[in-house]
Amino acid sequence: MGGSGSLPAASPLRVPWLVACLAVLMLGGSDPGSVAGSREGDPGVAVCVVAPRVEALDKLDAYGLVLTPEPVLVLVEPLLELQIQRLNRDPWQLRGSAAKPILTPMLWPTDPIAPDEPVLLQMRPLGASPEAFAHVQLVGASAQRMQETLRLLEALGSDPLTWLAAFEQALADQDVPLAWTLLFDRRSPPSPELNELRRTVVERGCGD
């Protein structure tokens, strides 16, 4: 990858095809996870989590496999409050306001996620009551999967076309968690092609 030549360079002409693939992927029921409601019974709470890649489990919760210890958080909605709950640790908490809400993308704001570690995100969007949170259960991938992902990310270098090729390969392999990791990782370089793909994913949100 990167300088090894094991990944072909992607042509910018492929970007419209990739955008079309993303549309088909989302319309096919593989949308990013949208979680609505709260454990306090408020049905008006809804949050669309774009990254890490999550899948809705039911009307209240969603689940996502995290491939890196420090994922980038990407949400569609601005938040009033974000909590990160972990076993045997004090909760991490950030509060915003209507005038200054919490916006993403956001680099992982606390200690790295360990392999196989469960992490609960609790999110309160604008307009939600103080007790109303949407919930996403994240789980660290296996140690082997995390190591493989980190090696790939570090090997891709700074050439956007190499990242684009890796993203295309992940989609071809139907490895959507890896595709989303590649697209939103902090190492991913800016480029018109990658930026277009990021916009497409965020603008489509959770397919609502």
N, C-alpha and C. Protein backbone atom coordinates (compact mmCIF):
# COMPACT_ATOMS: atom_id res chain seq x y z
N MET A 1 0.85 -1.13 0.00
CA MET A 1 0.00 0.00 0.00
C MET A 1 0.90 1.20 0.00
N GLY A 2 0.41 2.38 -0.26
CA GLY A 2 1.32 3.50 -0.32
C GLY A 2 2.34 3.27 -1.41
N GLY A 3 3.65 3.13 -1.00
CA GLY A 3 4.71 2.98 -1.96
C GLY A 3 4.90 1.56 -2.44
N SER A 4 4.16 0.58 -1.88
CA SER A 4 4.38 -0.81 -2.25
C SER A 4 3.78 -1.15 -3.60
N GLY A 5 2.81 -0.35 -4.06
CA GLY A 5 2.18 -0.61 -5.33
C GLY A 5 1.14 -1.70 -5.28
N SER A 6 0.79 -2.19 -4.10
CA SER A 6 -0.18 -3.28 -4.00
C SER A 6 -1.61 -2.81 -4.21
N LEU A 7 -1.83 -1.50 -4.09
CA LEU A 7 -3.15 -0.95 -4.38
C LEU A 7 -3.05 -0.08 -5.64
N PRO A 8 -3.88 -0.31 -6.63
CA PRO A 8 -3.83 0.53 -7.84
C PRO A 8 -4.28 1.94 -7.54
N ALA A 9 -3.70 2.89 -8.25
CA ALA A 9 -4.13 4.27 -8.10
C ALA A 9 -5.52 4.44 -8.69
N ALA A 10 -6.37 5.14 -7.96
CA ALA A 10 -7.73 5.37 -8.44
C ALA A 10 -7.76 6.64 -9.29
N SER A 11 -8.47 6.60 -10.37
CA SER A 11 -8.62 7.77 -11.22
C SER A 11 -9.75 8.65 -10.71
N PRO A 12 -9.62 9.98 -10.76
CA PRO A 12 -10.73 10.85 -10.39
C PRO A 12 -11.99 10.57 -11.20
N LEU A 13 -11.83 9.98 -12.38
CA LEU A 13 -13.00 9.64 -13.19
C LEU A 13 -13.85 8.57 -12.53
N ARG A 14 -13.30 7.86 -11.54
CA ARG A 14 -14.03 6.82 -10.85
C ARG A 14 -14.96 7.39 -9.79
N VAL A 15 -14.79 8.65 -9.41
CA VAL A 15 -15.56 9.20 -8.31
C VAL A 15 -17.06 9.17 -8.57
N PRO A 16 -17.57 9.56 -9.75
CA PRO A 16 -19.01 9.45 -9.97
C PRO A 16 -19.51 8.02 -9.79
N TRP A 17 -18.72 7.05 -10.22
CA TRP A 17 -19.11 5.65 -10.03
C TRP A 17 -19.16 5.31 -8.56
N LEU A 18 -18.19 5.79 -7.78
CA LEU A 18 -18.19 5.52 -6.35
C LEU A 18 -19.38 6.17 -5.67
N VAL A 19 -19.72 7.38 -6.06
CA VAL A 19 -20.88 8.05 -5.48
C VAL A 19 -22.15 7.25 -5.79
N ALA A 20 -22.25 6.73 -7.00
CA ALA A 20 -23.40 5.90 -7.35
C ALA A 20 -23.43 4.64 -6.51
N CYS A 21 -22.27 4.04 -6.26
CA CYS A 21 -22.20 2.85 -5.41
C CYS A 21 -22.66 3.17 -4.00
N LEU A 22 -22.27 4.32 -3.50
CA LEU A 22 -22.70 4.71 -2.15
C LEU A 22 -24.21 4.85 -2.10
N ALA A 23 -24.80 5.44 -3.14
CA ALA A 23 -26.25 5.60 -3.17
C ALA A 23 -26.95 4.25 -3.17
N VAL A 24 -26.44 3.32 -3.97
CA VAL A 24 -27.03 1.98 -4.00
C VAL A 24 -26.87 1.30 -2.64
N LEU A 25 -25.70 1.45 -2.05
CA LEU A 25 -25.44 0.84 -0.74
C LEU A 25 -26.42 1.34 0.30
N MET A 26 -26.66 2.65 0.33
CA MET A 26 -27.56 3.22 1.32
C MET A 26 -29.01 2.83 1.04
N LEU A 27 -29.40 2.87 -0.23
CA LEU A 27 -30.77 2.50 -0.57
C LEU A 27 -31.03 1.02 -0.34
N GLY A 28 -29.95 0.24 -0.31
CA GLY A 28 -30.10 -1.20 -0.10
C GLY A 28 -30.26 -1.59 1.34
N GLY A 29 -30.45 -0.63 2.23
CA GLY A 29 -30.72 -0.96 3.62
C GLY A 29 -29.49 -1.02 4.49
N SER A 30 -28.37 -0.49 3.99
CA SER A 30 -27.14 -0.53 4.75
C SER A 30 -26.77 0.88 5.22
N ASP A 31 -27.79 1.65 5.57
CA ASP A 31 -27.57 3.04 5.96
C ASP A 31 -26.75 3.13 7.23
N PRO A 32 -26.06 4.29 7.44
CA PRO A 32 -25.52 4.57 8.76
C PRO A 32 -26.64 4.53 9.80
N GLY A 33 -26.27 4.31 11.04
CA GLY A 33 -27.29 4.07 12.05
C GLY A 33 -27.97 5.32 12.57
N SER A 34 -29.27 5.29 12.60
CA SER A 34 -30.06 6.35 13.21
C SER A 34 -30.71 5.79 14.46
N VAL A 35 -30.53 6.47 15.58
CA VAL A 35 -31.13 6.01 16.83
C VAL A 35 -32.10 7.07 17.31
N ALA A 36 -33.28 6.65 17.71
CA ALA A 36 -34.33 7.57 18.11
C ALA A 36 -34.89 7.17 19.46
N GLY A 37 -35.47 8.15 20.14
CA GLY A 37 -36.06 7.87 21.44
C GLY A 37 -35.02 7.91 22.55
N SER A 38 -35.39 7.49 23.73
CA SER A 38 -34.49 7.47 24.86
C SER A 38 -34.99 6.48 25.87
N ARG A 39 -34.14 6.15 26.80
CA ARG A 39 -34.55 5.21 27.84
C ARG A 39 -35.55 5.85 28.80
N GLU A 40 -35.72 7.15 28.70
CA GLU A 40 -36.72 7.83 29.51
C GLU A 40 -38.05 7.92 28.78
N GLY A 41 -38.11 7.36 27.56
CA GLY A 41 -39.38 7.29 26.85
C GLY A 41 -39.71 8.50 26.01
N ASP A 42 -38.75 9.35 25.70
CA ASP A 42 -39.00 10.52 24.85
C ASP A 42 -38.84 10.10 23.39
N PRO A 43 -39.93 9.97 22.63
CA PRO A 43 -39.81 9.49 21.25
C PRO A 43 -39.29 10.54 20.29
N GLY A 44 -39.11 11.78 20.75
CA GLY A 44 -38.70 12.84 19.84
C GLY A 44 -37.21 12.93 19.62
N VAL A 45 -36.41 12.14 20.35
CA VAL A 45 -34.96 12.22 20.22
C VAL A 45 -34.51 11.38 19.03
N ALA A 46 -33.73 11.99 18.15
CA ALA A 46 -33.19 11.24 17.01
C ALA A 46 -31.80 11.77 16.71
N VAL A 47 -30.85 10.86 16.53
CA VAL A 47 -29.47 11.22 16.20
C VAL A 47 -29.00 10.30 15.09
N CYS A 48 -28.39 10.86 14.07
CA CYS A 48 -27.83 10.08 12.96
C CYS A 48 -26.31 10.04 13.11
N VAL A 49 -25.80 8.85 13.40
CA VAL A 49 -24.36 8.65 13.55
C VAL A 49 -23.80 8.15 12.22
N VAL A 50 -22.93 8.95 11.61
CA VAL A 50 -22.33 8.58 10.33
C VAL A 50 -21.06 7.77 10.54
N ALA A 51 -20.21 8.21 11.45
CA ALA A 51 -18.96 7.50 11.74
C ALA A 51 -18.66 7.58 13.23
N PRO A 52 -18.18 6.47 13.81
CA PRO A 52 -17.93 5.17 13.20
C PRO A 52 -19.21 4.58 12.60
N ARG A 53 -19.03 3.68 11.68
CA ARG A 53 -20.16 3.04 11.02
C ARG A 53 -20.98 2.25 12.04
N VAL A 54 -22.25 2.54 12.14
CA VAL A 54 -23.12 1.82 13.07
C VAL A 54 -24.38 1.35 12.35
N GLU A 55 -25.00 0.34 12.90
CA GLU A 55 -26.25 -0.20 12.38
C GLU A 55 -27.29 -0.15 13.49
N ALA A 56 -28.50 0.26 13.14
CA ALA A 56 -29.58 0.32 14.12
C ALA A 56 -29.96 -1.09 14.57
N LEU A 57 -30.07 -1.27 15.90
CA LEU A 57 -30.52 -2.54 16.46
C LEU A 57 -32.03 -2.52 16.70
N ASP A 58 -32.52 -1.41 17.19
CA ASP A 58 -33.95 -1.23 17.42
C ASP A 58 -34.20 0.27 17.43
N LYS A 59 -35.35 0.70 17.92
CA LYS A 59 -35.70 2.12 17.88
C LYS A 59 -34.89 2.95 18.86
N LEU A 60 -34.20 2.30 19.79
CA LEU A 60 -33.49 3.05 20.82
C LEU A 60 -31.98 2.96 20.72
N ASP A 61 -31.47 1.91 20.12
CA ASP A 61 -30.04 1.66 20.18
C ASP A 61 -29.46 1.33 18.81
N ALA A 62 -28.16 1.48 18.69
CA ALA A 62 -27.43 1.08 17.50
C ALA A 62 -26.09 0.52 17.94
N TYR A 63 -25.47 -0.23 17.03
CA TYR A 63 -24.22 -0.93 17.34
C TYR A 63 -23.21 -0.64 16.25
N GLY A 64 -21.96 -0.42 16.67
CA GLY A 64 -20.91 -0.19 15.70
C GLY A 64 -19.61 -0.84 16.11
N LEU A 65 -18.93 -1.47 15.15
CA LEU A 65 -17.62 -2.04 15.36
C LEU A 65 -16.57 -0.98 15.03
N VAL A 66 -15.68 -0.73 15.98
CA VAL A 66 -14.67 0.33 15.83
C VAL A 66 -13.35 -0.31 15.44
N LEU A 67 -12.79 0.12 14.31
CA LEU A 67 -11.58 -0.51 13.77
C LEU A 67 -10.30 0.15 14.21
N THR A 68 -10.39 1.33 14.82
CA THR A 68 -9.20 2.04 15.29
C THR A 68 -9.40 2.46 16.74
N PRO A 69 -8.33 2.60 17.50
CA PRO A 69 -8.48 2.99 18.91
C PRO A 69 -9.02 4.40 19.10
N GLU A 70 -8.83 5.27 18.12
CA GLU A 70 -9.28 6.66 18.25
C GLU A 70 -10.09 7.06 17.02
N PRO A 71 -11.33 6.58 16.94
CA PRO A 71 -12.15 6.89 15.77
C PRO A 71 -12.56 8.36 15.73
N VAL A 72 -12.87 8.82 14.56
CA VAL A 72 -13.44 10.16 14.38
C VAL A 72 -14.95 10.04 14.49
N LEU A 73 -15.56 10.90 15.31
CA LEU A 73 -17.01 10.92 15.45
C LEU A 73 -17.60 11.89 14.42
N VAL A 74 -18.55 11.39 13.64
CA VAL A 74 -19.25 12.22 12.66
C VAL A 74 -20.75 12.02 12.87
N LEU A 75 -21.45 13.07 13.26
CA LEU A 75 -22.89 13.05 13.45
C LEU A 75 -23.52 14.11 12.57
N VAL A 76 -24.76 13.86 12.16
CA VAL A 76 -25.47 14.85 11.36
C VAL A 76 -25.99 15.98 12.24
N GLU A 77 -26.56 15.62 13.40
CA GLU A 77 -27.18 16.63 14.26
C GLU A 77 -26.17 17.27 15.21
N PRO A 78 -26.31 18.57 15.47
CA PRO A 78 -25.57 19.19 16.57
C PRO A 78 -26.13 18.70 17.90
N LEU A 79 -25.28 18.64 18.91
CA LEU A 79 -25.66 18.08 20.21
C LEU A 79 -25.62 19.13 21.30
N LEU A 80 -26.46 18.91 22.31
CA LEU A 80 -26.38 19.65 23.56
C LEU A 80 -25.49 18.94 24.56
N GLU A 81 -25.39 17.61 24.43
CA GLU A 81 -24.59 16.86 25.40
C GLU A 81 -24.11 15.56 24.76
N LEU A 82 -22.88 15.20 25.08
CA LEU A 82 -22.28 13.93 24.66
C LEU A 82 -21.64 13.29 25.87
N GLN A 83 -22.02 12.04 26.13
CA GLN A 83 -21.42 11.27 27.22
C GLN A 83 -20.81 10.00 26.65
N ILE A 84 -19.67 9.62 27.20
CA ILE A 84 -19.00 8.36 26.83
C ILE A 84 -18.84 7.54 28.09
N GLN A 85 -19.55 6.41 28.14
CA GLN A 85 -19.56 5.54 29.30
C GLN A 85 -18.70 4.31 29.01
N ARG A 86 -17.83 3.96 29.99
CA ARG A 86 -16.95 2.80 29.83
C ARG A 86 -16.87 2.04 31.15
N LEU A 87 -16.58 0.77 31.06
CA LEU A 87 -16.48 -0.05 32.25
C LEU A 87 -15.30 0.39 33.11
N ASN A 88 -15.54 0.48 34.41
CA ASN A 88 -14.48 0.77 35.39
C ASN A 88 -13.77 2.09 35.14
N ARG A 89 -14.48 3.05 34.54
CA ARG A 89 -13.90 4.38 34.30
C ARG A 89 -14.96 5.43 34.61
N ASP A 90 -14.49 6.59 34.98
CA ASP A 90 -15.43 7.70 35.14
C ASP A 90 -15.97 8.10 33.77
N PRO A 91 -17.23 8.48 33.69
CA PRO A 91 -17.79 8.90 32.39
C PRO A 91 -17.09 10.15 31.88
N TRP A 92 -16.96 10.22 30.55
CA TRP A 92 -16.48 11.45 29.90
C TRP A 92 -17.72 12.20 29.43
N GLN A 93 -17.72 13.52 29.62
CA GLN A 93 -18.92 14.29 29.30
C GLN A 93 -18.53 15.65 28.72
N LEU A 94 -19.30 16.05 27.70
CA LEU A 94 -19.14 17.38 27.11
C LEU A 94 -20.52 17.97 26.94
N ARG A 95 -20.69 19.22 27.35
CA ARG A 95 -21.98 19.90 27.21
C ARG A 95 -21.83 21.12 26.32
N GLY A 96 -22.83 21.31 25.48
CA GLY A 96 -22.91 22.50 24.66
C GLY A 96 -24.12 23.31 25.06
N SER A 97 -24.53 24.21 24.18
CA SER A 97 -25.70 25.04 24.43
C SER A 97 -26.40 25.29 23.10
N ALA A 98 -27.59 25.85 23.16
CA ALA A 98 -28.29 26.18 21.93
C ALA A 98 -27.49 27.18 21.09
N ALA A 99 -26.80 28.09 21.77
CA ALA A 99 -26.00 29.08 21.05
C ALA A 99 -24.68 28.51 20.56
N LYS A 100 -24.16 27.52 21.27
CA LYS A 100 -22.88 26.92 20.90
C LYS A 100 -22.97 25.41 21.08
N PRO A 101 -23.63 24.72 20.14
CA PRO A 101 -23.79 23.28 20.27
C PRO A 101 -22.49 22.53 19.96
N ILE A 102 -22.48 21.26 20.28
CA ILE A 102 -21.36 20.38 19.97
C ILE A 102 -21.48 19.96 18.51
N LEU A 103 -20.44 20.24 17.72
CA LEU A 103 -20.44 19.92 16.30
C LEU A 103 -19.37 18.89 15.99
N THR A 104 -19.60 18.13 14.94
CA THR A 104 -18.61 17.17 14.48
C THR A 104 -18.28 17.46 13.02
N PRO A 105 -17.19 16.88 12.48
CA PRO A 105 -16.36 15.80 12.98
C PRO A 105 -15.60 16.18 14.25
N MET A 106 -15.37 15.16 15.08
CA MET A 106 -14.65 15.33 16.33
C MET A 106 -13.67 14.18 16.49
N LEU A 107 -12.42 14.52 16.74
CA LEU A 107 -11.44 13.48 17.07
C LEU A 107 -11.85 12.82 18.38
N TRP A 108 -11.57 11.54 18.52
CA TRP A 108 -11.93 10.80 19.72
C TRP A 108 -11.41 11.56 20.94
N PRO A 109 -12.31 11.97 21.86
CA PRO A 109 -11.92 12.96 22.88
C PRO A 109 -11.38 12.39 24.18
N THR A 110 -11.29 11.07 24.31
CA THR A 110 -10.84 10.50 25.57
C THR A 110 -9.87 9.36 25.28
N ASP A 111 -9.61 8.50 26.27
CA ASP A 111 -8.60 7.45 26.11
C ASP A 111 -8.96 6.53 24.94
N PRO A 112 -7.94 5.99 24.25
CA PRO A 112 -8.21 5.11 23.12
C PRO A 112 -9.05 3.90 23.51
N ILE A 113 -9.79 3.40 22.54
CA ILE A 113 -10.61 2.21 22.73
C ILE A 113 -9.73 0.97 22.58
N ALA A 114 -9.81 0.06 23.52
CA ALA A 114 -9.02 -1.16 23.47
C ALA A 114 -9.73 -2.21 22.62
N PRO A 115 -9.00 -3.19 22.11
CA PRO A 115 -9.66 -4.28 21.38
C PRO A 115 -10.74 -4.94 22.23
N ASP A 116 -11.88 -5.19 21.61
CA ASP A 116 -13.02 -5.87 22.24
C ASP A 116 -13.66 -5.06 23.37
N GLU A 117 -13.27 -3.81 23.56
CA GLU A 117 -13.84 -3.01 24.65
C GLU A 117 -15.19 -2.43 24.26
N PRO A 118 -16.22 -2.60 25.11
CA PRO A 118 -17.50 -1.94 24.86
C PRO A 118 -17.47 -0.49 25.34
N VAL A 119 -18.03 0.40 24.54
CA VAL A 119 -18.11 1.82 24.86
C VAL A 119 -19.51 2.30 24.50
N LEU A 120 -20.16 2.98 25.42
CA LEU A 120 -21.52 3.47 25.18
C LEU A 120 -21.49 4.98 24.94
N LEU A 121 -21.98 5.40 23.77
CA LEU A 121 -22.17 6.82 23.49
C LEU A 121 -23.60 7.19 23.85
N GLN A 122 -23.76 8.29 24.57
CA GLN A 122 -25.08 8.83 24.87
C GLN A 122 -25.11 10.27 24.36
N MET A 123 -26.11 10.58 23.54
CA MET A 123 -26.13 11.85 22.82
C MET A 123 -27.48 12.52 22.98
N ARG A 124 -27.43 13.80 23.34
CA ARG A 124 -28.67 14.58 23.49
C ARG A 124 -28.64 15.71 22.46
N PRO A 125 -29.50 15.64 21.44
CA PRO A 125 -29.48 16.66 20.38
C PRO A 125 -30.20 17.93 20.80
N LEU A 126 -30.07 18.95 19.98
CA LEU A 126 -30.78 20.21 20.21
C LEU A 126 -32.28 19.95 20.33
N GLY A 127 -32.90 20.60 21.30
CA GLY A 127 -34.33 20.47 21.47
C GLY A 127 -34.77 19.33 22.35
N ALA A 128 -33.85 18.45 22.74
CA ALA A 128 -34.21 17.31 23.57
C ALA A 128 -34.28 17.72 25.04
N SER A 129 -35.13 17.03 25.79
CA SER A 129 -35.23 17.29 27.22
C SER A 129 -33.97 16.84 27.93
N PRO A 130 -33.70 17.32 29.14
CA PRO A 130 -32.45 16.98 29.83
C PRO A 130 -32.25 15.49 30.07
N GLU A 131 -33.33 14.70 30.09
CA GLU A 131 -33.20 13.28 30.36
C GLU A 131 -33.19 12.43 29.09
N ALA A 132 -33.34 13.04 27.94
CA ALA A 132 -33.55 12.29 26.70
C ALA A 132 -32.24 12.14 25.93
N PHE A 133 -31.76 10.90 25.81
CA PHE A 133 -30.53 10.61 25.10
C PHE A 133 -30.76 9.50 24.08
N ALA A 134 -30.09 9.62 22.94
CA ALA A 134 -29.96 8.49 22.02
C ALA A 134 -28.71 7.72 22.40
N HIS A 135 -28.70 6.41 22.12
CA HIS A 135 -27.62 5.54 22.58
C HIS A 135 -26.99 4.79 21.42
N VAL A 136 -25.67 4.72 21.41
CA VAL A 136 -24.94 3.90 20.44
C VAL A 136 -23.92 3.07 21.20
N GLN A 137 -23.97 1.77 20.98
CA GLN A 137 -22.99 0.88 21.60
C GLN A 137 -21.86 0.62 20.62
N LEU A 138 -20.67 1.10 20.94
CA LEU A 138 -19.49 0.81 20.15
C LEU A 138 -18.71 -0.33 20.81
N VAL A 139 -18.04 -1.11 19.99
CA VAL A 139 -17.18 -2.18 20.49
C VAL A 139 -15.90 -2.18 19.69
N GLY A 140 -14.77 -2.20 20.38
CA GLY A 140 -13.50 -2.28 19.68
C GLY A 140 -13.38 -3.58 18.92
N ALA A 141 -12.82 -3.53 17.74
CA ALA A 141 -12.58 -4.74 16.96
C ALA A 141 -11.52 -5.60 17.65
N SER A 142 -11.31 -6.79 17.13
CA SER A 142 -10.27 -7.65 17.69
C SER A 142 -8.91 -6.98 17.56
N ALA A 143 -7.97 -7.42 18.37
CA ALA A 143 -6.62 -6.85 18.31
C ALA A 143 -6.03 -7.01 16.91
N GLN A 144 -6.26 -8.17 16.29
CA GLN A 144 -5.73 -8.40 14.94
C GLN A 144 -6.35 -7.44 13.94
N ARG A 145 -7.67 -7.27 14.02
CA ARG A 145 -8.35 -6.37 13.06
C ARG A 145 -7.88 -4.93 13.26
N MET A 146 -7.74 -4.50 14.51
CA MET A 146 -7.26 -3.14 14.75
C MET A 146 -5.84 -2.96 14.21
N GLN A 147 -4.97 -3.94 14.45
CA GLN A 147 -3.60 -3.83 13.97
C GLN A 147 -3.55 -3.79 12.45
N GLU A 148 -4.35 -4.62 11.79
CA GLU A 148 -4.39 -4.62 10.33
C GLU A 148 -4.87 -3.27 9.79
N THR A 149 -5.88 -2.71 10.45
CA THR A 149 -6.42 -1.42 10.00
C THR A 149 -5.39 -0.31 10.19
N LEU A 150 -4.73 -0.30 11.33
CA LEU A 150 -3.72 0.73 11.59
C LEU A 150 -2.56 0.61 10.61
N ARG A 151 -2.15 -0.61 10.31
CA ARG A 151 -1.06 -0.79 9.34
C ARG A 151 -1.47 -0.25 7.97
N LEU A 152 -2.71 -0.51 7.58
CA LEU A 152 -3.19 0.00 6.30
C LEU A 152 -3.21 1.53 6.29
N LEU A 153 -3.76 2.13 7.34
CA LEU A 153 -3.86 3.58 7.40
C LEU A 153 -2.49 4.24 7.34
N GLU A 154 -1.53 3.64 8.03
CA GLU A 154 -0.19 4.22 8.06
C GLU A 154 0.55 4.00 6.75
N ALA A 155 0.21 2.93 6.02
CA ALA A 155 0.90 2.63 4.77
C ALA A 155 0.40 3.45 3.59
N LEU A 156 -0.79 4.03 3.71
CA LEU A 156 -1.39 4.71 2.56
C LEU A 156 -0.71 6.03 2.22
N GLY A 157 0.01 6.60 3.18
CA GLY A 157 0.72 7.84 2.90
C GLY A 157 -0.22 9.02 2.74
N SER A 158 0.16 9.94 1.87
CA SER A 158 -0.60 11.19 1.74
C SER A 158 -1.19 11.37 0.35
N ASP A 159 -1.09 10.36 -0.51
CA ASP A 159 -1.62 10.48 -1.87
C ASP A 159 -3.13 10.20 -1.85
N PRO A 160 -3.96 11.19 -2.16
CA PRO A 160 -5.41 10.97 -2.13
C PRO A 160 -5.87 9.85 -3.03
N LEU A 161 -5.21 9.66 -4.17
CA LEU A 161 -5.65 8.61 -5.08
C LEU A 161 -5.42 7.22 -4.49
N THR A 162 -4.38 7.08 -3.68
CA THR A 162 -4.15 5.80 -3.01
C THR A 162 -5.24 5.54 -1.98
N TRP A 163 -5.64 6.58 -1.25
CA TRP A 163 -6.74 6.44 -0.30
C TRP A 163 -8.04 6.13 -1.03
N LEU A 164 -8.24 6.77 -2.16
CA LEU A 164 -9.45 6.52 -2.94
C LEU A 164 -9.50 5.07 -3.41
N ALA A 165 -8.36 4.55 -3.83
CA ALA A 165 -8.30 3.15 -4.27
C ALA A 165 -8.58 2.21 -3.11
N ALA A 166 -8.06 2.52 -1.93
CA ALA A 166 -8.31 1.67 -0.76
C ALA A 166 -9.79 1.72 -0.37
N PHE A 167 -10.39 2.90 -0.47
CA PHE A 167 -11.81 3.04 -0.18
C PHE A 167 -12.63 2.21 -1.16
N GLU A 168 -12.29 2.31 -2.45
CA GLU A 168 -13.00 1.55 -3.48
C GLU A 168 -12.86 0.05 -3.23
N GLN A 169 -11.67 -0.40 -2.82
CA GLN A 169 -11.46 -1.82 -2.56
C GLN A 169 -12.29 -2.28 -1.37
N ALA A 170 -12.38 -1.44 -0.33
CA ALA A 170 -13.19 -1.80 0.83
C ALA A 170 -14.66 -1.94 0.44
N LEU A 171 -15.16 -1.04 -0.41
CA LEU A 171 -16.54 -1.16 -0.89
C LEU A 171 -16.72 -2.42 -1.71
N ALA A 172 -15.75 -2.72 -2.59
CA ALA A 172 -15.85 -3.93 -3.40
C ALA A 172 -15.88 -5.18 -2.53
N ASP A 173 -15.17 -5.12 -1.40
CA ASP A 173 -15.15 -6.25 -0.46
C ASP A 173 -16.35 -6.25 0.48
N GLN A 174 -17.23 -5.25 0.32
CA GLN A 174 -18.40 -5.09 1.20
C GLN A 174 -18.00 -4.91 2.65
N ASP A 175 -16.83 -4.32 2.85
CA ASP A 175 -16.35 -4.02 4.20
C ASP A 175 -16.66 -2.55 4.49
N VAL A 176 -17.92 -2.27 4.79
CA VAL A 176 -18.35 -0.88 4.96
C VAL A 176 -17.69 -0.23 6.18
N PRO A 177 -17.53 -0.92 7.32
CA PRO A 177 -16.82 -0.27 8.43
C PRO A 177 -15.43 0.22 8.04
N LEU A 178 -14.70 -0.57 7.25
CA LEU A 178 -13.38 -0.14 6.81
C LEU A 178 -13.49 1.03 5.83
N ALA A 179 -14.45 0.98 4.92
CA ALA A 179 -14.62 2.08 3.96
C ALA A 179 -14.87 3.39 4.68
N TRP A 180 -15.76 3.37 5.68
CA TRP A 180 -16.06 4.59 6.42
C TRP A 180 -14.85 5.04 7.26
N THR A 181 -14.10 4.08 7.80
CA THR A 181 -12.89 4.43 8.55
C THR A 181 -11.90 5.14 7.64
N LEU A 182 -11.70 4.60 6.45
CA LEU A 182 -10.78 5.23 5.50
C LEU A 182 -11.23 6.63 5.13
N LEU A 183 -12.52 6.81 4.97
CA LEU A 183 -13.04 8.09 4.49
C LEU A 183 -12.91 9.18 5.54
N PHE A 184 -13.12 8.82 6.83
CA PHE A 184 -13.17 9.85 7.86
C PHE A 184 -11.99 9.83 8.83
N ASP A 185 -11.06 8.93 8.66
CA ASP A 185 -9.92 8.88 9.58
C ASP A 185 -9.13 10.18 9.55
N ARG A 186 -8.53 10.52 10.68
CA ARG A 186 -7.77 11.77 10.77
C ARG A 186 -6.58 11.81 9.83
N ARG A 187 -6.10 10.65 9.39
CA ARG A 187 -4.97 10.60 8.47
C ARG A 187 -5.40 10.81 7.02
N SER A 188 -6.69 10.67 6.75
CA SER A 188 -7.18 10.74 5.37
C SER A 188 -6.95 12.14 4.80
N PRO A 189 -6.25 12.26 3.69
CA PRO A 189 -5.91 13.59 3.17
C PRO A 189 -7.11 14.27 2.52
N PRO A 190 -7.11 15.60 2.51
CA PRO A 190 -8.16 16.32 1.78
C PRO A 190 -7.89 16.27 0.29
N SER A 191 -8.95 16.17 -0.47
CA SER A 191 -8.86 16.24 -1.93
C SER A 191 -10.27 16.44 -2.45
N PRO A 192 -10.43 17.01 -3.64
CA PRO A 192 -11.79 17.19 -4.17
C PRO A 192 -12.56 15.88 -4.24
N GLU A 193 -11.88 14.78 -4.63
CA GLU A 193 -12.57 13.51 -4.78
C GLU A 193 -13.02 12.95 -3.43
N LEU A 194 -12.12 12.91 -2.48
CA LEU A 194 -12.48 12.39 -1.15
C LEU A 194 -13.49 13.30 -0.47
N ASN A 195 -13.33 14.61 -0.63
CA ASN A 195 -14.28 15.54 -0.03
C ASN A 195 -15.69 15.33 -0.60
N GLU A 196 -15.77 15.03 -1.90
CA GLU A 196 -17.07 14.78 -2.51
C GLU A 196 -17.72 13.54 -1.90
N LEU A 197 -16.92 12.50 -1.70
CA LEU A 197 -17.46 11.29 -1.08
C LEU A 197 -17.90 11.55 0.35
N ARG A 198 -17.10 12.31 1.10
CA ARG A 198 -17.50 12.63 2.49
C ARG A 198 -18.81 13.40 2.50
N ARG A 199 -18.92 14.38 1.61
CA ARG A 199 -20.17 15.17 1.55
C ARG A 199 -21.36 14.27 1.22
N THR A 200 -21.15 13.35 0.29
CA THR A 200 -22.24 12.45 -0.10
C THR A 200 -22.72 11.63 1.09
N VAL A 201 -21.79 11.08 1.84
CA VAL A 201 -22.15 10.24 2.99
C VAL A 201 -22.88 11.07 4.05
N VAL A 202 -22.34 12.24 4.37
CA VAL A 202 -22.96 13.06 5.42
C VAL A 202 -24.30 13.61 4.96
N GLU A 203 -24.39 14.07 3.70
CA GLU A 203 -25.64 14.66 3.23
C GLU A 203 -26.76 13.62 3.15
N ARG A 204 -26.41 12.39 2.81
CA ARG A 204 -27.43 11.35 2.78
C ARG A 204 -27.80 10.91 4.19
N GLY A 205 -26.91 11.20 5.14
CA GLY A 205 -27.21 10.91 6.53
C GLY A 205 -27.60 9.48 6.75
N CYS A 206 -28.74 9.28 7.39
CA CYS A 206 -29.22 7.94 7.69
C CYS A 206 -30.36 7.53 6.77
N GLY A 207 -30.48 8.19 5.63
CA GLY A 207 -31.47 7.79 4.65
C GLY A 207 -32.88 8.21 4.97
N ASP A 208 -33.02 9.19 5.90
CA ASP A 208 -34.38 9.63 6.26
C ASP A 208 -34.97 10.47 5.15
